[in-house]
C-alpha atoms as a PDB file:
ATOM      1  CA  MET A   1      31.096  -2.822   8.932  1.00  0.00           C
ATOM      2  CA  PRO A   2      28.363  -0.452  10.004  1.00  0.00           C
ATOM      3  CA  GLU A   3      24.093  -2.192  10.407  1.00  0.00           C
ATOM      4  CA  ARG A   4      21.795  -1.065   8.425  1.00  0.00           C
ATOM      5  CA  ARG A   5      18.686  -1.289   8.154  1.00  0.00           C
ATOM      6  CA  VAL A   6      15.563  -2.046   6.166  1.00  0.00           C
ATOM      7  CA  PHE A   7      12.001  -1.428   6.770  1.00  0.00           C
ATOM      8  CA  ILE A   8       8.744  -2.449   4.338  1.00  0.00           C
ATOM      9  CA  ILE A   9       5.318  -0.679   5.513  1.00  0.00           C
ATOM     10  CA  ARG A  10       1.798  -1.573   3.856  1.00  0.00           C
ATOM     11  CA  HIS A  11      -0.094   0.919   2.298  1.00  0.00           C
ATOM     12  CA  GLY A  12      -3.010   2.649   4.318  1.00  0.00           C
ATOM     13  CA  GLU A  13      -6.499   1.830   3.496  1.00  0.00           C
ATOM     14  CA  ARG A  14      -7.546   1.651   0.203  1.00  0.00           C
ATOM     15  CA  CYS A  15     -11.081   3.578  -1.226  1.00  0.00           C
ATOM     16  CA  ASP A  16     -12.056   0.282  -3.137  1.00  0.00           C
ATOM     17  CA  PHE A  17     -11.641  -1.965  -0.196  1.00  0.00           C
ATOM     18  CA  ALA A  18     -13.756   0.577   2.253  1.00  0.00           C
ATOM     19  CA  PHE A  19     -16.018   1.817   0.203  1.00  0.00           C
ATOM     20  CA  GLY A  20     -16.474  -1.569  -2.447  1.00  0.00           C
ATOM     21  CA  LYS A  21     -19.597  -2.894  -0.957  1.00  0.00           C
ATOM     22  CA  SER A  22     -21.497   0.289  -0.397  1.00  0.00           C
ATOM     23  CA  GLY A  23     -20.873   1.676  -4.212  1.00  0.00           C
ATOM     24  CA  LEU A  24     -20.523   4.851  -2.290  1.00  0.00           C
ATOM     25  CA  TRP A  25     -16.469   4.990  -4.196  1.00  0.00           C
ATOM     26  CA  ILE A  26     -17.512   4.084  -7.202  1.00  0.00           C
ATOM     27  CA  ASN A  27     -20.685   5.829  -7.657  1.00  0.00           C
ATOM     28  CA  SER A  28     -18.774   9.448  -6.815  1.00  0.00           C
ATOM     29  CA  PHE A  29     -17.785   9.542 -10.447  1.00  0.00           C
ATOM     30  CA  ASP A  30     -20.451  10.500 -13.179  1.00  0.00           C
ATOM     31  CA  SER A  31     -20.682   9.337 -16.353  1.00  0.00           C
ATOM     32  CA  ARG A  32     -18.169  11.683 -17.329  1.00  0.00           C
ATOM     33  CA  GLY A  33     -15.929  11.093 -14.850  1.00  0.00           C
ATOM     34  CA  ARG A  34     -16.435  13.612 -12.767  1.00  0.00           C
ATOM     35  CA  TYR A  35     -16.025  12.880  -9.142  1.00  0.00           C
ATOM     36  CA  ARG A  36     -17.674  14.244  -6.159  1.00  0.00           C
ATOM     37  CA  PRO A  37     -16.555  12.415  -3.491  1.00  0.00           C
ATOM     38  CA  LEU A  38     -19.820  10.616  -1.105  1.00  0.00           C
ATOM     39  CA  ASP A  39     -18.600  10.035   2.062  1.00  0.00           C
ATOM     40  CA  ILE A  40     -16.105  12.757   4.282  1.00  0.00           C
ATOM     41  CA  ASN A  41     -13.361   9.708   4.172  1.00  0.00           C
ATOM     42  CA  LEU A  42     -13.328   9.424   0.233  1.00  0.00           C
ATOM     43  CA  PRO A  43     -10.509  11.698  -0.969  1.00  0.00           C
ATOM     44  CA  ARG A  44     -11.667  15.053  -1.407  1.00  0.00           C
ATOM     45  CA  THR A  45      -9.849  15.541  -4.620  1.00  0.00           C
ATOM     46  CA  LEU A  46      -8.061  13.043  -7.328  1.00  0.00           C
ATOM     47  CA  PRO A  47      -4.618  13.037  -9.223  1.00  0.00           C
ATOM     48  CA  LYS A  48      -4.564  13.157 -13.162  1.00  0.00           C
ATOM     49  CA  ARG A  49      -3.902  10.460 -14.563  1.00  0.00           C
ATOM     50  CA  PRO A  50      -3.205   9.979 -18.031  1.00  0.00           C
ATOM     51  CA  ASP A  51      -5.321   6.504 -18.668  1.00  0.00           C
ATOM     52  CA  GLY A  52      -8.720   8.560 -17.696  1.00  0.00           C
ATOM     53  CA  TRP A  53     -10.441   8.093 -14.412  1.00  0.00           C
ATOM     54  CA  GLN A  54     -11.437   4.603 -15.445  1.00  0.00           C
ATOM     55  CA  GLY A  55      -8.196   3.762 -14.097  1.00  0.00           C
ATOM     56  CA  PHE A  56      -9.313   4.478 -10.686  1.00  0.00           C
ATOM     57  CA  HIS A  57     -10.799   1.511 -10.637  1.00  0.00           C
ATOM     58  CA  ALA A  58      -7.875  -1.165 -11.261  1.00  0.00           C
ATOM     59  CA  ASP A  59      -5.194   1.269  -9.190  1.00  0.00           C
ATOM     60  CA  THR A  60      -6.894   2.686  -6.325  1.00  0.00           C
ATOM     61  CA  PRO A  61      -6.075   5.976  -3.980  1.00  0.00           C
ATOM     62  CA  LEU A  62      -6.241   5.886  -0.897  1.00  0.00           C
ATOM     63  CA  THR A  63      -8.915   7.165   1.835  1.00  0.00           C
ATOM     64  CA  GLU A  64      -8.637  10.478   3.918  1.00  0.00           C
ATOM     65  CA  ILE A  65      -8.520   8.572   6.622  1.00  0.00           C
ATOM     66  CA  GLY A  66      -5.266   6.051   4.562  1.00  0.00           C
ATOM     67  CA  TYR A  67      -3.550   9.000   4.491  1.00  0.00           C
ATOM     68  CA  LEU A  68      -4.001  10.375   7.865  1.00  0.00           C
ATOM     69  CA  GLN A  69      -2.231   6.549   8.894  1.00  0.00           C
ATOM     70  CA  SER A  70       0.308   7.190   6.873  1.00  0.00           C
ATOM     71  CA  LYS A  71       1.164  10.467   8.714  1.00  0.00           C
ATOM     72  CA  LEU A  72       0.751   9.272  11.572  1.00  0.00           C
ATOM     73  CA  THR A  73       2.998   6.441  11.101  1.00  0.00           C
ATOM     74  CA  GLY A  74       5.567   8.612   9.703  1.00  0.00           C
ATOM     75  CA  ARG A  75       5.845  10.590  12.879  1.00  0.00           C
ATOM     76  CA  ALA A  76       5.922   7.535  14.672  1.00  0.00           C
ATOM     77  CA  LEU A  77       8.972   6.702  13.072  1.00  0.00           C
ATOM     78  CA  ARG A  78      10.681  10.184  13.840  1.00  0.00           C
ATOM     79  CA  ASP A  79       9.744   9.977  16.992  1.00  0.00           C
ATOM     80  CA  ASN A  80      11.573   6.621  17.805  1.00  0.00           C
ATOM     81  CA  GLY A  81      14.586   8.549  15.882  1.00  0.00           C
ATOM     82  CA  ILE A  82      14.242   6.144  12.582  1.00  0.00           C
ATOM     83  CA  GLU A  83      16.920   7.300   9.929  1.00  0.00           C
ATOM     84  CA  ILE A  84      16.170   6.561   5.896  1.00  0.00           C
ATOM     85  CA  ASN A  85      18.579   6.770   3.177  1.00  0.00           C
ATOM     86  CA  HIS A  86      16.462   5.460   0.516  1.00  0.00           C
ATOM     87  CA  VAL A  87      13.487   4.837  -0.581  1.00  0.00           C
ATOM     88  CA  PHE A  88      10.974   2.816  -2.691  1.00  0.00           C
ATOM     89  CA  CYS A  89       7.823   2.049  -3.879  1.00  0.00           C
ATOM     90  CA  SER A  90       5.674   0.123  -5.647  1.00  0.00           C
ATOM     91  CA  PRO A  91       3.902   1.765  -8.245  1.00  0.00           C
ATOM     92  CA  ALA A  92       0.450   1.157  -7.100  1.00  0.00           C
ATOM     93  CA  LEU A  93      -1.353   4.681  -6.755  1.00  0.00           C
ATOM     94  CA  ARG A  94      -1.745   3.722  -2.842  1.00  0.00           C
ATOM     95  CA  CYS A  95       1.634   2.402  -2.533  1.00  0.00           C
ATOM     96  CA  ILE A  96       3.147   5.640  -3.583  1.00  0.00           C
ATOM     97  CA  GLN A  97       0.677   8.065  -1.270  1.00  0.00           C
ATOM     98  CA  THR A  98       0.889   6.019   1.735  1.00  0.00           C
ATOM     99  CA  THR A  99       4.956   7.087   1.011  1.00  0.00           C
ATOM    100  CA  ILE A 100       4.158  10.465   0.563  1.00  0.00           C
ATOM    101  CA  GLY A 101       2.755  10.609   3.687  1.00  0.00           C
ATOM    102  CA  LEU A 102       5.292   8.716   5.681  1.00  0.00           C
ATOM    103  CA  LEU A 103       7.689  11.360   4.259  1.00  0.00           C
ATOM    104  CA  LYS A 104       5.649  14.837   5.607  1.00  0.00           C
ATOM    105  CA  GLY A 105       5.068  12.389   8.866  1.00  0.00           C
ATOM    106  CA  MET A 106       8.772  11.813   9.191  1.00  0.00           C
ATOM    107  CA  GLY A 107       9.678  16.343   7.526  1.00  0.00           C
ATOM    108  CA  LEU A 108      11.727  14.399   4.905  1.00  0.00           C
ATOM    109  CA  ASP A 109       9.201  15.420   2.495  1.00  0.00           C
ATOM    110  CA  LYS A 110      11.277  17.980   1.456  1.00  0.00           C
ATOM    111  CA  ARG A 111      14.603  16.013   1.889  1.00  0.00           C
ATOM    112  CA  LEU A 112      14.509  13.168   0.376  1.00  0.00           C
ATOM    113  CA  GLN A 113      13.285  11.717  -3.467  1.00  0.00           C
ATOM    114  CA  PHE A 114      10.961   8.107  -3.451  1.00  0.00           C
ATOM    115  CA  SER A 115      11.757   5.480  -6.305  1.00  0.00           C
ATOM    116  CA  VAL A 116       9.069   3.878  -8.068  1.00  0.00           C
ATOM    117  CA  GLU A 117       9.882  -0.073  -8.410  1.00  0.00           C
ATOM    118  CA  PRO A 118       7.553  -2.170 -10.647  1.00  0.00           C
ATOM    119  CA  GLY A 119       9.179  -5.322  -8.931  1.00  0.00           C
ATOM    120  CA  LEU A 120       7.926  -4.181  -5.443  1.00  0.00           C
ATOM    121  CA  TYR A 121       4.051  -4.770  -6.704  1.00  0.00           C
ATOM    122  CA  GLU A 122       2.090  -7.305  -5.343  1.00  0.00           C
ATOM    123  CA  TRP A 123       0.991 -10.484  -6.398  1.00  0.00           C
ATOM    124  CA  MET A 124      -0.256 -10.539 -10.293  1.00  0.00           C
ATOM    125  CA  ALA A 125      -2.437 -12.810  -9.381  1.00  0.00           C
ATOM    126  CA  TRP A 126      -4.964 -10.619  -7.878  1.00  0.00           C
ATOM    127  CA  ALA A 127      -4.807  -7.882 -10.889  1.00  0.00           C
ATOM    128  CA  LYS A 128      -7.651 -10.397 -12.336  1.00  0.00           C
ATOM    129  CA  TYR A 129      -8.225  -9.918 -15.916  1.00  0.00           C
ATOM    130  CA  ALA A 130      -5.940  -7.105 -16.778  1.00  0.00           C
ATOM    131  CA  LYS A 131      -2.808  -5.705 -15.703  1.00  0.00           C
ATOM    132  CA  PRO A 132      -3.294  -2.547 -14.376  1.00  0.00           C
ATOM    133  CA  CYS A 133      -2.330   0.378 -15.220  1.00  0.00           C
ATOM    134  CA  TRP A 134      -0.307   3.082 -12.529  1.00  0.00           C
ATOM    135  CA  ILE A 135       1.017   6.528 -13.599  1.00  0.00           C
ATOM    136  CA  PRO A 136       4.114   7.082 -14.973  1.00  0.00           C
ATOM    137  CA  PRO A 137       7.152   8.364 -12.812  1.00  0.00           C
ATOM    138  CA  LYS A 138       7.044  11.632 -14.841  1.00  0.00           C
ATOM    139  CA  ASP A 139       3.647  12.734 -14.520  1.00  0.00           C
ATOM    140  CA  LEU A 140       4.134  11.907 -10.843  1.00  0.00           C
ATOM    141  CA  LYS A 141       6.836  14.498 -11.221  1.00  0.00           C
ATOM    142  CA  LYS A 142       4.110  16.618 -12.556  1.00  0.00           C
ATOM    143  CA  LEU A 143       1.897  16.555 -10.195  1.00  0.00           C
ATOM    144  CA  GLY A 144       4.196  18.242  -7.447  1.00  0.00           C
ATOM    145  CA  TYR A 145       4.817  14.098  -5.733  1.00  0.00           C
ATOM    146  CA  PRO A 146       8.916  14.091  -4.751  1.00  0.00           C
ATOM    147  CA  VAL A 147       9.684  11.064  -7.215  1.00  0.00           C
ATOM    148  CA  GLN A 148      12.800   9.954  -8.619  1.00  0.00           C
ATOM    149  CA  GLU A 149      12.014  10.565 -12.498  1.00  0.00           C
ATOM    150  CA  ASN A 150      15.275   9.365 -13.658  1.00  0.00           C
ATOM    151  CA  TYR A 151      16.007   6.081 -10.851  1.00  0.00           C
ATOM    152  CA  VAL A 152      16.232   3.126 -13.339  1.00  0.00           C
ATOM    153  CA  PRO A 153      14.007  -0.465 -12.020  1.00  0.00           C
ATOM    154  CA  CYS A 154      15.077  -3.665 -10.967  1.00  0.00           C
ATOM    155  CA  TYR A 155      11.559  -4.934 -12.825  1.00  0.00           C
ATOM    156  CA  THR A 156      10.194  -3.214 -15.597  1.00  0.00           C
ATOM    157  CA  ASP A 157       5.704  -3.014 -15.676  1.00  0.00           C
ATOM    158  CA  LYS A 158       6.358  -5.262 -18.738  1.00  0.00           C
ATOM    159  CA  GLU A 159       8.738  -8.189 -16.795  1.00  0.00           C
ATOM    160  CA  LEU A 160       5.716  -8.573 -15.078  1.00  0.00           C
ATOM    161  CA  ARG A 161       3.366 -11.446 -15.673  1.00  0.00           C
ATOM    162  CA  MET A 162      -0.279 -11.886 -15.265  1.00  0.00           C
ATOM    163  CA  SER A 163       0.522 -16.222 -15.036  1.00  0.00           C
ATOM    164  CA  GLU A 164       2.567 -15.469 -11.953  1.00  0.00           C
ATOM    165  CA  THR A 165       2.624 -18.350  -8.963  1.00  0.00           C
ATOM    166  CA  MET A 166       2.937 -17.539  -5.714  1.00  0.00           C
ATOM    167  CA  VAL A 167       6.334 -18.818  -5.800  1.00  0.00           C
ATOM    168  CA  ASP A 168       7.244 -16.779  -9.036  1.00  0.00           C
ATOM    169  CA  TYR A 169       5.663 -13.530  -6.557  1.00  0.00           C
ATOM    170  CA  TYR A 170       8.196 -14.745  -3.880  1.00  0.00           C
ATOM    171  CA  GLN A 171      11.633 -14.666  -6.323  1.00  0.00           C
ATOM    172  CA  ARG A 172      10.194 -11.478  -7.784  1.00  0.00           C
ATOM    173  CA  SER A 173      10.105  -9.758  -4.341  1.00  0.00           C
ATOM    174  CA  PHE A 174      13.459 -11.550  -3.511  1.00  0.00           C
ATOM    175  CA  SER A 175      15.258 -10.292  -6.198  1.00  0.00           C
ATOM    176  CA  SER A 176      13.692  -6.610  -5.806  1.00  0.00           C
ATOM    177  CA  MET A 177      15.828  -6.955  -2.696  1.00  0.00           C
ATOM    178  CA  ASN A 178      18.523  -8.423  -3.732  1.00  0.00           C
ATOM    179  CA  LYS A 179      19.407  -6.103  -6.567  1.00  0.00           C
ATOM    180  CA  LEU A 180      18.019  -2.454  -4.338  1.00  0.00           C
ATOM    181  CA  LEU A 181      20.483  -3.770  -1.411  1.00  0.00           C
ATOM    182  CA  ALA A 182      23.682  -4.419  -3.939  1.00  0.00           C
ATOM    183  CA  GLU A 183      22.497  -1.191  -5.928  1.00  0.00           C
ATOM    184  CA  TYR A 184      22.651   0.826  -2.597  1.00  0.00           C
ATOM    185  CA  PRO A 185      24.825  -1.248   0.255  1.00  0.00           C
ATOM    186  CA  GLU A 186      25.306   1.999   2.228  1.00  0.00           C
ATOM    187  CA  GLY A 187      22.133   3.839   4.371  1.00  0.00           C
ATOM    188  CA  ASN A 188      18.725   2.067   5.639  1.00  0.00           C
ATOM    189  CA  ILE A 189      16.243   1.594   3.209  1.00  0.00           C
ATOM    190  CA  LEU A 190      12.148   2.440   3.397  1.00  0.00           C
ATOM    191  CA  ILE A 191      10.257   0.241   1.813  1.00  0.00           C
ATOM    192  CA  VAL A 192       6.652   1.235   0.887  1.00  0.00           C
ATOM    193  CA  ALA A 193       4.054  -2.325  -0.544  1.00  0.00           C
ATOM    194  CA  HIS A 194       1.561  -4.305  -0.185  1.00  0.00           C
ATOM    195  CA  GLY A 195       0.203  -6.343   2.992  1.00  0.00           C
ATOM    196  CA  ALA A 196       2.448  -9.598   1.259  1.00  0.00           C
ATOM    197  CA  SER A 197       5.306  -8.212   1.117  1.00  0.00           C
ATOM    198  CA  LEU A 198       6.073  -7.748   4.793  1.00  0.00           C
ATOM    199  CA  GLU A 199       6.048 -11.519   4.302  1.00  0.00           C
ATOM    200  CA  THR A 200       7.459 -11.803   1.044  1.00  0.00           C
ATOM    201  CA  CYS A 201      10.367  -9.363   0.701  1.00  0.00           C
ATOM    202  CA  THR A 202      11.978 -10.767   4.341  1.00  0.00           C
ATOM    203  CA  ARG A 203      11.179 -14.582   3.900  1.00  0.00           C
ATOM    204  CA  GLN A 204      14.208 -15.579   1.685  1.00  0.00           C
ATOM    205  CA  LEU A 205      16.696 -12.421   2.807  1.00  0.00           C
ATOM    206  CA  VAL A 206      16.882 -14.236   6.332  1.00  0.00           C
ATOM    207  CA  GLY A 207      17.106 -17.860   5.225  1.00  0.00           C
ATOM    208  CA  GLY A 208      13.844 -18.945   5.995  1.00  0.00           C
ATOM    209  CA  ASP A 209      12.236 -21.113   3.263  1.00  0.00           C
ATOM    210  CA  ILE A 210       8.383 -20.181   0.940  1.00  0.00           C
ATOM    211  CA  ARG A 211       5.674 -20.825   2.543  1.00  0.00           C
ATOM    212  CA  SER A 212       2.639 -23.511   2.005  1.00  0.00           C
ATOM    213  CA  THR A 213      -0.581 -21.699   0.646  1.00  0.00           C
ATOM    214  CA  ASP A 214      -2.598 -21.304   3.966  1.00  0.00           C
ATOM    215  CA  ASP A 215       0.517 -20.001   5.667  1.00  0.00           C
ATOM    216  CA  PHE A 216       0.605 -17.357   3.417  1.00  0.00           C
ATOM    217  CA  TYR A 217      -2.972 -16.457   2.903  1.00  0.00           C
ATOM    218  CA  TYR A 218      -2.950 -16.347   6.753  1.00  0.00           C
ATOM    219  CA  LEU A 219       0.259 -14.433   7.587  1.00  0.00           C
ATOM    220  CA  LEU A 220      -1.650 -11.445   4.516  1.00  0.00           C
ATOM    221  CA  GLN A 221      -4.649 -12.048   6.296  1.00  0.00           C
ATOM    222  CA  ASN A 222      -3.177 -11.071   9.979  1.00  0.00           C
ATOM    223  CA  THR A 223      -1.060  -7.710   8.208  1.00  0.00           C
ATOM    224  CA  PRO A 224      -3.350  -4.784   8.741  1.00  0.00           C
ATOM    225  CA  TYR A 225      -2.818  -0.898   7.254  1.00  0.00           C
ATOM    226  CA  LEU A 226       0.542   0.204   7.669  1.00  0.00           C
ATOM    227  CA  SER A 227       2.268  -2.215   8.943  1.00  0.00           C
ATOM    228  CA  CYS A 228       5.531  -2.297   9.813  1.00  0.00           C
ATOM    229  CA  VAL A 229       8.582  -4.688   9.826  1.00  0.00           C
ATOM    230  CA  GLU A 230      12.858  -4.045  10.296  1.00  0.00           C
ATOM    231  CA  LEU A 231      15.302  -6.080   8.509  1.00  0.00           C
ATOM    232  CA  SER A 232      18.431  -5.313  10.382  1.00  0.00           C
ATOM    233  CA  SER A 233      21.638  -6.344   8.922  1.00  0.00           C
ATOM    234  CA  ARG A 234      25.517  -6.307  10.314  1.00  0.00           C
ATOM    235  CA  GLU A 235      28.237  -8.904   8.039  1.00  0.00           C
ATOM    236  CA  GLY A 236      26.167  -9.083   5.207  1.00  0.00           C
ATOM    237  CA  LEU A 237      23.999 -11.279   7.360  1.00  0.00           C
ATOM    238  CA  TRP A 238      20.487 -10.280   7.693  1.00  0.00           C
ATOM    239  CA  ARG A 239      17.839 -10.844  10.002  1.00  0.00           C
ATOM    240  CA  LEU A 240      13.794  -9.845  11.263  1.00  0.00           C
ATOM    241  CA  VAL A 241      13.810  -7.618  14.409  1.00  0.00           C
ATOM    242  CA  GLY A 242       9.813  -7.040  14.669  1.00  0.00           C
ATOM    243  CA  SER A 243       9.127  -3.248  14.344  1.00  0.00           C
ATOM    244  CA  PRO A 244      10.177  -0.327  15.811  1.00  0.00           C
ATOM    245  CA  ILE A 245       7.266   0.985  16.243  1.00  0.00           C
ATOM    246  CA  PRO A 246       4.248   0.068  18.301  1.00  0.00           C
ATOM    247  CA  SER A 247       0.583  -0.684  16.236  1.00  0.00           C
ATOM    248  CA  PHE A 248      -1.950   0.997  14.959  1.00  0.00           C
ATOM    249  CA  SER A 249      -5.246  -0.189  16.015  1.00  0.00           C
ATOM    250  CA  HIS A 250      -8.954   2.085  15.496  1.00  0.00           C
ATOM    251  CA  THR A 251     -11.683   0.683  14.901  1.00  0.00           C
ATOM    252  CA  TYR A 252     -13.852  -0.109  11.909  1.00  0.00           C
ATOM    253  CA  ASN A 253     -16.659   3.340  11.791  1.00  0.00           C
ATOM    254  CA  ARG A 254     -19.599   2.610   9.568  1.00  0.00           C
ATOM    255  CA  THR A 255     -21.614   4.417   7.281  1.00  0.00           C
ATOM    256  CA  PHE A 256     -24.518   6.520   9.342  1.00  0.00           C
ATOM    257  CA  ASP A 257     -27.722   6.064   7.837  1.00  0.00           C
ATOM    258  CA  PRO A 258     -30.245   9.433   8.923  1.00  0.00           C
ATOM    259  CA  LEU A 259     -33.171   7.754   7.527  1.00  0.00           C
ATOM    260  CA  GLN A 260     -33.060   5.183  10.803  1.00  0.00           C
ATOM    261  CA  LEU A 261     -35.104   7.923  12.280  1.00  0.00           C
ATOM    262  CA  VAL A 262     -37.237   8.453  10.614  1.00  0.00           C
ATOM    263  CA  THR A 263     -38.329   4.716   9.031  1.00  0.00           C
ATOM    264  CA  LYS A 264     -41.725   3.140  10.422  1.00  0.00           C
ATOM    265  CA  ASP A 265     -39.981   0.077   9.131  1.00  0.00           C
ATOM    266  CA  LEU A 266     -37.436  -0.249  11.298  1.00  0.00           C
ATOM    267  CA  ALA A 267     -37.412  -4.258  10.885  1.00  0.00           C
ATOM    268  CA  SER A 268     -36.635  -4.513   7.101  1.00  0.00           C
ATOM    269  CA  LEU A 269     -33.248  -1.876   7.450  1.00  0.00           C
ATOM    270  CA  LYS A 270     -31.745  -3.995  10.198  1.00  0.00           C
ATOM    271  CA  ARG A 271     -31.832  -6.479   7.547  1.00  0.00           C
ATOM    272  CA  GLU A 272     -30.456  -5.126   5.134  1.00  0.00           C
ATOM    273  CA  ARG A 273     -27.750  -3.805   7.424  1.00  0.00           C
ATOM    274  CA  GLU A 274     -27.238  -6.876   8.335  1.00  0.00           C
ATOM    275  CA  GLY A 275     -26.546  -8.464   5.073  1.00  0.00           C
ATOM    276  CA  LYS A 276     -24.084  -5.533   3.602  1.00  0.00           C
ATOM    277  CA  ASP A 277     -22.770  -6.286   7.317  1.00  0.00           C
ATOM    278  CA  ASN A 278     -22.437 -10.548   5.969  1.00  0.00           C
ATOM    279  CA  MET A 279     -20.869  -9.611   2.933  1.00  0.00           C
ATOM    280  CA  ARG A 280     -18.139  -7.490   3.929  1.00  0.00           C
ATOM    281  CA  ILE A 281     -16.729 -10.311   6.352  1.00  0.00           C
ATOM    282  CA  THR A 282     -16.859 -12.692   3.380  1.00  0.00           C
ATOM    283  CA  GLN A 283     -14.977 -10.013   1.181  1.00  0.00           C
END
């Protein structure tokens, strides 16, 4: 039996996390939903979505850096000779855009289509008050995205429950992986999903037990954007073999305030900045 490989990658930098405390992301929309980016790292344009511009609040896009991260990671996969035959991603817009960047970086965007799998979405407990709405594959197709429009998912969005526990989330991820591997028994698979997916999509597949809440959150907090993990199988038994590419590291680049050069009350400005930094640390 030939070796099979599965690669699971977290999405890139997201707008709401990058700009949530500064307000630059939400304030880039006026009262009519017209969009004008207030930071160079915010996307220049946004795709049209059936639920209107408000849908971006719960289904955030990538930042410009996030998209660049995905293309560079795709290039690293290509440079390391990684072959991909099937691509699946979470329905979250940030995952879809990351998938496109990865395929472009690998030079596969004209040759491979990806399939949107709701079963790969993150833990529903993080959805807070309402189940998010996603851009349907048929609308993604109209936007020019290389999506497999007729794909039959392992889970529909209606099957995702707001009451989902952490154990439920592990089981859904495990079930999704088993179904995908059974439905596509040959070739290498690329999964593009969320930070926790690198754990929940692999843990039980390699024979591990569901982790404690503390261990789960520790792993989540130490899984940065575009983290990648590889699974390998030769006789039907899966093992975790690490990452096929080097890690992706860069420094944090804070917002620049030109008023600091002319203000007469620099102490107040420093206190305000320190307050924002403290809020960022606790988010």
